[in-house]
Amino acid sequence: MSGLDETLAALEQGDRAALAPAFDVVMEGDADEAAITRFLLATIPFMHDPEAIAIGARALRARMVRV
């Protein structure tokens, strides 16, 4: 099992600590389509969790391009 697979498995088990590393892999473009699908499905339970939303926002801000 790869590092991303392990991270996604933890996320699927409800481990919020796995959100940041999973977001990092997805946002860097290092995840294939199946992994992105797994990631999106695993994050559904966190949709109303303010801390989880902040983790995602930090991942997006870290990679944004200012215009």
N, C-alpha and C. Protein backbone atom coordinates (compact mmCIF):
# COMPACT_ATOMS: atom_id res chain seq x y z
N MET A 1 0.86 -1.18 0.00
CA MET A 1 0.00 0.00 0.00
C MET A 1 0.89 1.24 0.00
N SER A 2 0.59 2.15 -0.92
CA SER A 2 1.41 3.37 -1.01
C SER A 2 1.07 4.33 0.12
N GLY A 3 1.88 5.36 0.25
CA GLY A 3 1.64 6.37 1.27
C GLY A 3 0.28 7.04 1.09
N LEU A 4 -0.08 7.31 -0.16
CA LEU A 4 -1.37 7.93 -0.41
C LEU A 4 -2.50 6.96 -0.07
N ASP A 5 -2.34 5.69 -0.41
CA ASP A 5 -3.36 4.69 -0.07
C ASP A 5 -3.56 4.62 1.44
N GLU A 6 -2.47 4.66 2.18
CA GLU A 6 -2.57 4.61 3.65
C GLU A 6 -3.27 5.87 4.18
N THR A 7 -2.93 7.01 3.60
CA THR A 7 -3.56 8.27 4.02
C THR A 7 -5.05 8.26 3.72
N LEU A 8 -5.41 7.78 2.53
CA LEU A 8 -6.82 7.72 2.17
C LEU A 8 -7.58 6.71 3.03
N ALA A 9 -6.93 5.60 3.36
CA ALA A 9 -7.57 4.62 4.24
C ALA A 9 -7.84 5.23 5.61
N ALA A 10 -6.89 5.99 6.12
CA ALA A 10 -7.09 6.66 7.42
C ALA A 10 -8.21 7.68 7.32
N LEU A 11 -8.25 8.41 6.23
CA LEU A 11 -9.30 9.41 6.02
C LEU A 11 -10.67 8.73 5.95
N GLU A 12 -10.73 7.61 5.28
CA GLU A 12 -11.99 6.86 5.17
C GLU A 12 -12.45 6.33 6.53
N GLN A 13 -11.52 6.18 7.46
CA GLN A 13 -11.86 5.74 8.81
C GLN A 13 -12.22 6.92 9.72
N GLY A 14 -12.22 8.13 9.15
CA GLY A 14 -12.61 9.31 9.91
C GLY A 14 -11.47 10.03 10.59
N ASP A 15 -10.24 9.74 10.20
CA ASP A 15 -9.06 10.37 10.81
C ASP A 15 -8.84 11.75 10.20
N ARG A 16 -9.24 12.80 10.92
CA ARG A 16 -9.11 14.16 10.42
C ARG A 16 -7.65 14.53 10.17
N ALA A 17 -6.72 13.94 10.91
CA ALA A 17 -5.30 14.25 10.74
C ALA A 17 -4.81 13.85 9.34
N ALA A 18 -5.53 12.98 8.66
CA ALA A 18 -5.13 12.57 7.32
C ALA A 18 -5.55 13.57 6.25
N LEU A 19 -6.36 14.55 6.61
CA LEU A 19 -6.84 15.52 5.63
C LEU A 19 -5.69 16.33 5.00
N ALA A 20 -4.84 16.88 5.82
CA ALA A 20 -3.77 17.75 5.29
C ALA A 20 -2.85 17.00 4.33
N PRO A 21 -2.33 15.82 4.70
CA PRO A 21 -1.47 15.13 3.74
C PRO A 21 -2.21 14.70 2.47
N ALA A 22 -3.48 14.35 2.60
CA ALA A 22 -4.25 13.97 1.41
C ALA A 22 -4.46 15.17 0.50
N PHE A 23 -4.83 16.31 1.09
CA PHE A 23 -4.98 17.54 0.31
C PHE A 23 -3.67 17.86 -0.40
N ASP A 24 -2.54 17.72 0.29
CA ASP A 24 -1.25 18.04 -0.30
C ASP A 24 -1.00 17.23 -1.56
N VAL A 25 -1.24 15.93 -1.50
CA VAL A 25 -0.98 15.06 -2.65
C VAL A 25 -1.91 15.43 -3.81
N VAL A 26 -3.18 15.63 -3.50
CA VAL A 26 -4.14 15.98 -4.55
C VAL A 26 -3.79 17.33 -5.17
N MET A 27 -3.50 18.32 -4.34
CA MET A 27 -3.22 19.66 -4.85
C MET A 27 -1.91 19.74 -5.62
N GLU A 28 -0.97 18.86 -5.33
CA GLU A 28 0.30 18.84 -6.07
C GLU A 28 0.15 18.14 -7.42
N GLY A 29 -1.01 17.50 -7.64
CA GLY A 29 -1.23 16.81 -8.91
C GLY A 29 -0.65 15.42 -8.94
N ASP A 30 -0.34 14.87 -7.77
CA ASP A 30 0.29 13.56 -7.69
C ASP A 30 -0.69 12.41 -7.48
N ALA A 31 -1.98 12.69 -7.56
CA ALA A 31 -3.00 11.66 -7.36
C ALA A 31 -3.68 11.37 -8.69
N ASP A 32 -3.91 10.08 -8.94
CA ASP A 32 -4.63 9.73 -10.16
C ASP A 32 -6.14 9.92 -9.95
N GLU A 33 -6.89 9.71 -11.00
CA GLU A 33 -8.33 9.96 -10.95
C GLU A 33 -9.03 9.10 -9.88
N ALA A 34 -8.63 7.85 -9.75
CA ALA A 34 -9.25 6.97 -8.76
C ALA A 34 -8.96 7.46 -7.34
N ALA A 35 -7.74 7.94 -7.10
CA ALA A 35 -7.38 8.44 -5.77
C ALA A 35 -8.13 9.73 -5.46
N ILE A 36 -8.30 10.57 -6.45
CA ILE A 36 -9.06 11.81 -6.24
C ILE A 36 -10.52 11.48 -5.91
N THR A 37 -11.08 10.50 -6.60
CA THR A 37 -12.44 10.07 -6.31
C THR A 37 -12.55 9.57 -4.88
N ARG A 38 -11.59 8.73 -4.48
CA ARG A 38 -11.57 8.23 -3.09
C ARG A 38 -11.47 9.37 -2.10
N PHE A 39 -10.61 10.33 -2.40
CA PHE A 39 -10.42 11.49 -1.53
C PHE A 39 -11.72 12.26 -1.38
N LEU A 40 -12.37 12.55 -2.49
CA LEU A 40 -13.62 13.32 -2.43
C LEU A 40 -14.70 12.58 -1.66
N LEU A 41 -14.83 11.29 -1.88
CA LEU A 41 -15.83 10.52 -1.15
C LEU A 41 -15.51 10.44 0.34
N ALA A 42 -14.22 10.35 0.67
CA ALA A 42 -13.81 10.24 2.07
C ALA A 42 -13.99 11.56 2.83
N THR A 43 -14.03 12.67 2.10
CA THR A 43 -14.16 13.96 2.78
C THR A 43 -15.62 14.38 3.00
N ILE A 44 -16.56 13.65 2.45
CA ILE A 44 -17.97 14.01 2.63
C ILE A 44 -18.36 14.15 4.10
N PRO A 45 -17.96 13.22 4.98
CA PRO A 45 -18.35 13.38 6.40
C PRO A 45 -17.78 14.63 7.06
N PHE A 46 -16.77 15.24 6.47
CA PHE A 46 -16.12 16.41 7.06
C PHE A 46 -16.66 17.73 6.51
N MET A 47 -17.68 17.67 5.65
CA MET A 47 -18.15 18.86 4.95
C MET A 47 -18.65 19.96 5.88
N HIS A 48 -19.11 19.61 7.07
CA HIS A 48 -19.64 20.62 8.00
C HIS A 48 -18.72 20.83 9.21
N ASP A 49 -17.49 20.37 9.09
CA ASP A 49 -16.52 20.47 10.17
C ASP A 49 -15.62 21.69 9.90
N PRO A 50 -15.75 22.75 10.70
CA PRO A 50 -14.97 23.98 10.44
C PRO A 50 -13.46 23.74 10.38
N GLU A 51 -12.96 22.87 11.23
CA GLU A 51 -11.51 22.61 11.21
C GLU A 51 -11.10 21.93 9.91
N ALA A 52 -11.91 21.01 9.43
CA ALA A 52 -11.60 20.33 8.17
C ALA A 52 -11.65 21.32 7.00
N ILE A 53 -12.61 22.22 7.02
CA ILE A 53 -12.71 23.24 5.97
C ILE A 53 -11.49 24.15 6.00
N ALA A 54 -11.02 24.48 7.19
CA ALA A 54 -9.81 25.31 7.32
C ALA A 54 -8.58 24.58 6.79
N ILE A 55 -8.51 23.28 7.01
CA ILE A 55 -7.38 22.49 6.49
C ILE A 55 -7.38 22.57 4.96
N GLY A 56 -8.54 22.42 4.35
CA GLY A 56 -8.64 22.53 2.90
C GLY A 56 -8.29 23.91 2.41
N ALA A 57 -8.76 24.93 3.10
CA ALA A 57 -8.47 26.30 2.71
C ALA A 57 -6.97 26.58 2.78
N ARG A 58 -6.30 26.07 3.81
CA ARG A 58 -4.85 26.27 3.91
C ARG A 58 -4.12 25.60 2.75
N ALA A 59 -4.58 24.40 2.36
CA ALA A 59 -3.96 23.70 1.24
C ALA A 59 -4.13 24.49 -0.05
N LEU A 60 -5.32 25.05 -0.25
CA LEU A 60 -5.57 25.85 -1.45
C LEU A 60 -4.74 27.13 -1.45
N ARG A 61 -4.68 27.82 -0.32
CA ARG A 61 -3.91 29.07 -0.22
C ARG A 61 -2.43 28.84 -0.43
N ALA A 62 -1.94 27.70 0.03
CA ALA A 62 -0.51 27.42 -0.11
C ALA A 62 -0.09 27.27 -1.58
N ARG A 63 -1.05 26.96 -2.43
CA ARG A 63 -0.73 26.72 -3.83
C ARG A 63 -1.32 27.75 -4.80
N MET A 64 -1.97 28.76 -4.25
CA MET A 64 -2.61 29.74 -5.13
C MET A 64 -1.57 30.59 -5.84
N VAL A 65 -1.98 31.10 -6.97
CA VAL A 65 -1.14 32.01 -7.74
C VAL A 65 -1.80 33.37 -7.65
N ARG A 66 -1.08 34.32 -7.09
CA ARG A 66 -1.62 35.68 -6.96
C ARG A 66 -1.64 36.35 -8.32
N VAL A 67 -2.74 37.05 -8.57
CA VAL A 67 -2.83 37.78 -9.86
C VAL A 67 -3.06 39.25 -9.59
